């Protein structure tokens, strides 16, 4: 059996990834801030308390996973916030210079950028499979060639995801040779943060995981599109 950890696994794309991996026979650790009991008839899932802004929480989650498996095959850094969720709907605090909030911008970077790096750090000893994968969920907003152009600067979200892409690039330089890493634009996914999205979380999860199955070494450290091609920066 293969083992996967999905942060932010309780809803949206994270839940889509959990559902798809369960159907593929993985044992899935769903990292969530509040433990749920949604999969009553499944014996290959465990909800794990995980706050990506807390090293202590990440370490506790790692210890839980380590008692269940010796080797983690897949780590998906999906937990994140956008302009509306971080600001309780007052997106001007992270989107417009005249209203910018240092506190909220730092929170966005802590969750969207620093959090994934710390999760990778603490879970790396478990990534012993040949190969193992770290998948960082990024966004088309992390590109100067955004396929959904907007006049909104969206400073916090765009910049934190660009930084996540750079962290991904850096990780490829020092991870063990068996651990592959890439960031990915998941598409226009319909979630609580993107209620008008056109693509279903489960379908996009399948496409993202397909990148690992059609892996080319040239993808390592790169920013990918959900369809499997490199996304321009």
Protein backbone atom coordinates (compact mmCIF):
# COMPACT_ATOMS: atom_id res chain seq x y z
CA UNK A 1 0.00 0.00 0.00
CA UNK A 2 1.12 3.53 -0.74
CA UNK A 3 0.80 6.35 1.81
CA UNK A 4 -0.01 10.02 1.22
CA UNK A 5 -0.38 13.15 3.34
CA UNK A 6 -2.63 15.96 2.09
CA UNK A 7 -2.60 19.22 4.06
CA UNK A 8 -5.85 21.15 4.02
CA UNK A 9 -7.54 17.81 3.31
CA UNK A 10 -10.97 18.62 4.66
CA UNK A 11 -12.53 20.56 1.81
CA UNK A 12 -12.18 21.92 -1.71
CA UNK A 13 -9.25 20.68 -3.76
CA UNK A 14 -7.79 19.02 -0.66
CA UNK A 15 -10.89 16.85 -0.26
CA UNK A 16 -10.82 16.11 -3.98
CA UNK A 17 -7.24 14.92 -3.64
CA UNK A 18 -8.12 12.80 -0.61
CA UNK A 19 -11.11 11.23 -2.38
CA UNK A 20 -9.12 10.45 -5.51
CA UNK A 21 -6.17 8.95 -3.63
CA UNK A 22 -8.52 6.80 -1.55
CA UNK A 23 -10.05 5.47 -4.76
CA UNK A 24 -6.54 4.69 -6.00
CA UNK A 25 -5.85 2.50 -2.99
CA UNK A 26 -3.66 4.88 -0.98
CA UNK A 27 -3.79 5.15 2.76
CA UNK A 28 -4.37 8.89 3.18
CA UNK A 29 -3.49 11.10 6.11
CA UNK A 30 -5.72 14.17 5.77
CA UNK A 31 -4.13 17.09 7.59
CA UNK A 32 -6.85 19.35 8.99
CA UNK A 33 -7.16 21.99 11.66
CA UNK A 34 -10.28 20.30 13.08
CA UNK A 35 -10.53 16.51 12.99
CA UNK A 36 -13.58 15.16 11.14
CA UNK A 37 -15.25 11.75 10.89
CA UNK A 38 -16.67 11.92 7.40
CA UNK A 39 -15.38 8.62 5.99
CA UNK A 40 -17.08 6.20 8.39
CA UNK A 41 -16.89 3.24 6.01
CA UNK A 42 -13.27 3.76 4.96
CA UNK A 43 -10.39 2.09 6.74
CA UNK A 44 -7.64 3.71 4.67
CA UNK A 45 -7.92 7.29 5.90
CA UNK A 46 -6.96 9.07 9.09
CA UNK A 47 -7.58 12.71 9.92
CA UNK A 48 -4.52 14.29 11.52
CA UNK A 49 -4.62 17.61 13.40
CA UNK A 50 -2.28 19.93 11.49
CA UNK A 51 -1.76 23.67 11.59
CA UNK A 52 0.91 24.55 9.02
CA UNK A 53 1.77 27.79 10.86
CA UNK A 54 2.95 25.85 13.94
CA UNK A 55 6.16 23.80 13.96
CA UNK A 56 4.92 22.01 17.06
CA UNK A 57 1.71 21.00 15.28
CA UNK A 58 3.66 19.83 12.22
CA UNK A 59 6.00 17.76 14.40
CA UNK A 60 3.07 16.14 16.24
CA UNK A 61 1.44 15.31 12.90
CA UNK A 62 4.70 13.82 11.67
CA UNK A 63 4.94 11.65 14.77
CA UNK A 64 1.37 10.39 14.27
CA UNK A 65 2.07 9.49 10.65
CA UNK A 66 5.37 7.83 11.61
CA UNK A 67 3.55 5.46 13.98
CA UNK A 68 1.28 4.30 11.13
CA UNK A 69 3.80 3.91 8.31
CA UNK A 70 7.55 3.73 7.77
CA UNK A 71 7.50 5.30 4.32
CA UNK A 72 5.47 8.18 2.89
CA UNK A 73 5.12 8.10 -0.89
CA UNK A 74 3.38 11.41 -1.49
CA UNK A 75 3.21 14.74 0.35
CA UNK A 76 0.79 17.33 -1.01
CA UNK A 77 1.04 20.85 0.41
CA UNK A 78 -2.47 22.02 -0.33
CA UNK A 79 -3.42 24.09 2.74
CA UNK A 80 -3.67 27.76 1.86
CA UNK A 81 -5.63 30.99 2.04
CA UNK A 82 -6.68 33.51 -0.57
CA UNK A 83 -7.52 37.20 -0.44
CA UNK A 84 -11.03 36.67 0.93
CA UNK A 85 -10.42 33.87 3.41
CA UNK A 86 -7.47 35.62 5.09
CA UNK A 87 -9.33 38.93 5.37
CA UNK A 88 -12.89 37.77 6.15
CA UNK A 89 -14.04 39.31 2.88
CA UNK A 90 -12.14 42.59 3.25
CA UNK A 91 -9.75 41.75 0.42
CA UNK A 92 -8.55 45.34 0.04
CA UNK A 93 -6.23 44.70 3.02
CA UNK A 94 -4.12 42.31 0.93
CA UNK A 95 -4.94 43.53 -2.56
CA UNK A 96 -4.54 47.31 -2.64
CA UNK A 97 -1.56 49.38 -1.55
CA UNK A 98 -3.58 52.14 0.12
CA UNK A 99 -5.27 49.63 2.46
CA UNK A 100 -2.47 47.06 2.82
CA UNK A 101 -2.18 45.32 6.19
CA UNK A 102 1.28 44.13 7.19
CA UNK A 103 -0.22 41.63 9.64
CA UNK A 104 -2.50 39.96 7.09
CA UNK A 105 0.19 39.90 4.39
CA UNK A 106 2.59 38.20 6.80
CA UNK A 107 -0.12 35.69 7.72
CA UNK A 108 -0.62 34.86 4.05
CA UNK A 109 3.09 34.20 3.58
CA UNK A 110 3.20 32.13 6.75
CA UNK A 111 0.39 29.86 5.56
CA UNK A 112 0.96 29.80 1.78
CA UNK A 113 4.76 29.81 1.67
CA UNK A 114 6.55 29.14 4.96
CA UNK A 115 4.08 26.44 6.01
CA UNK A 116 4.75 24.14 3.03
CA UNK A 117 8.51 24.45 3.51
CA UNK A 118 8.22 23.53 7.18
CA UNK A 119 5.96 20.57 6.37
CA UNK A 120 8.53 19.38 3.83
CA UNK A 121 11.29 19.81 6.40
CA UNK A 122 9.63 17.77 9.13
CA UNK A 123 8.22 15.02 6.89
CA UNK A 124 11.33 14.57 4.76
CA UNK A 125 12.69 11.67 6.87
CA UNK A 126 9.55 9.67 5.94
CA UNK A 127 9.88 10.27 2.19
CA UNK A 128 11.88 7.12 1.53
CA UNK A 129 9.98 5.63 -1.42
CA UNK A 130 11.61 5.37 -4.86
CA UNK A 131 10.39 7.82 -6.00
CA UNK A 132 8.64 10.01 -3.44
CA UNK A 133 6.89 13.24 -4.41
CA UNK A 134 6.30 16.62 -2.80
CA UNK A 135 3.53 18.50 -4.62
CA UNK A 136 3.06 22.19 -3.77
CA UNK A 137 -0.32 23.58 -4.81
CA UNK A 138 0.36 26.97 -6.36
CA UNK A 139 -1.77 29.17 -8.63
CA UNK A 140 -1.81 30.83 -12.03
CA UNK A 141 -1.63 34.07 -10.00
CA UNK A 142 2.01 33.12 -9.37
CA UNK A 143 2.91 34.00 -12.95
CA UNK A 144 3.41 37.11 -15.03
CA UNK A 145 1.46 35.17 -17.67
CA UNK A 146 -1.66 34.52 -15.59
CA UNK A 147 -4.22 32.80 -17.81
CA UNK A 148 -7.01 34.53 -15.89
CA UNK A 149 -5.80 38.11 -16.15
CA UNK A 150 -7.13 40.54 -13.54
CA UNK A 151 -6.69 44.24 -12.85
CA UNK A 152 -6.60 43.41 -9.12
CA UNK A 153 -2.95 43.38 -7.92
CA UNK A 154 -3.84 40.68 -5.35
CA UNK A 155 -0.46 41.31 -3.69
CA UNK A 156 -0.61 38.81 -0.85
CA UNK A 157 -1.90 35.76 -2.70
CA UNK A 158 0.10 36.27 -5.90
CA UNK A 159 3.38 37.04 -4.12
CA UNK A 160 3.04 34.21 -1.57
CA UNK A 161 2.44 31.70 -4.37
CA UNK A 162 5.35 33.09 -6.41
CA UNK A 163 7.51 32.60 -3.32
CA UNK A 164 6.18 29.03 -3.01
CA UNK A 165 7.34 28.38 -6.57
CA UNK A 166 10.81 29.66 -5.68
CA UNK A 167 10.89 27.44 -2.59
CA UNK A 168 10.01 24.54 -4.88
CA UNK A 169 12.87 25.47 -7.21
CA UNK A 170 15.22 25.61 -4.24
CA UNK A 171 14.08 22.29 -2.78
CA UNK A 172 15.00 20.49 -5.98
CA UNK A 173 18.60 21.53 -5.41
CA UNK A 174 19.00 19.79 -2.05
CA UNK A 175 16.41 17.05 -1.64
CA UNK A 176 17.62 13.44 -1.76
CA UNK A 177 17.65 12.01 -5.28
CA UNK A 178 14.60 9.83 -4.60
CA UNK A 179 12.42 12.83 -3.66
CA UNK A 180 10.91 14.77 -6.56
CA UNK A 181 9.19 18.11 -6.13
CA UNK A 182 7.05 20.41 -8.25
CA UNK A 183 4.50 23.17 -7.78
CA UNK A 184 1.32 23.16 -9.80
CA UNK A 185 -1.39 25.52 -11.00
CA UNK A 186 -4.46 23.36 -10.25
CA UNK A 187 -6.84 25.10 -12.65
CA UNK A 188 -10.07 27.01 -12.06
CA UNK A 189 -11.27 24.65 -9.33
CA UNK A 190 -14.70 25.08 -7.75
CA UNK A 191 -14.11 25.45 -3.99
CA UNK A 192 -15.32 27.50 -1.04
CA UNK A 193 -12.60 30.03 -1.94
CA UNK A 194 -13.56 30.00 -5.64
CA UNK A 195 -17.30 29.38 -5.83
CA UNK A 196 -17.47 30.20 -9.54
CA UNK A 197 -14.76 27.74 -10.53
CA UNK A 198 -15.48 25.59 -13.55
CA UNK A 199 -13.53 22.43 -12.69
CA UNK A 200 -14.42 19.78 -10.12
CA UNK A 201 -11.89 19.07 -7.35
CA UNK A 202 -11.86 15.31 -7.95
CA UNK A 203 -11.20 15.68 -11.67
CA UNK A 204 -8.36 18.13 -11.10
CA UNK A 205 -6.90 15.89 -8.41
CA UNK A 206 -6.72 13.06 -10.93
CA UNK A 207 -4.91 15.30 -13.42
CA UNK A 208 -2.41 16.58 -10.83
CA UNK A 209 -1.54 13.07 -9.65
CA UNK A 210 -1.13 12.03 -13.29
CA UNK A 211 1.94 14.30 -13.45
CA UNK A 212 3.69 12.01 -10.96
CA UNK A 213 2.82 8.97 -13.07
CA UNK A 214 4.16 10.50 -16.27
CA UNK A 215 7.18 11.94 -14.52
CA UNK A 216 10.10 13.43 -16.42
CA UNK A 217 13.22 14.51 -14.57
CA UNK A 218 12.99 17.90 -16.30
CA UNK A 219 9.85 18.59 -14.21
CA UNK A 220 11.82 18.54 -10.95
CA UNK A 221 11.62 21.91 -9.18
CA UNK A 222 9.38 23.35 -11.89
CA UNK A 223 6.03 25.14 -11.87
CA UNK A 224 3.59 22.91 -13.76
CA UNK A 225 0.12 23.29 -15.19
CA UNK A 226 -2.45 20.74 -14.05
CA UNK A 227 -2.50 19.33 -17.58
CA UNK A 228 1.15 18.30 -17.33
CA UNK A 229 3.07 21.07 -19.11
CA UNK A 230 5.45 23.60 -17.53
CA UNK A 231 3.64 26.84 -16.68
CA UNK A 232 5.42 30.08 -17.66
CA UNK A 233 6.65 32.31 -14.85
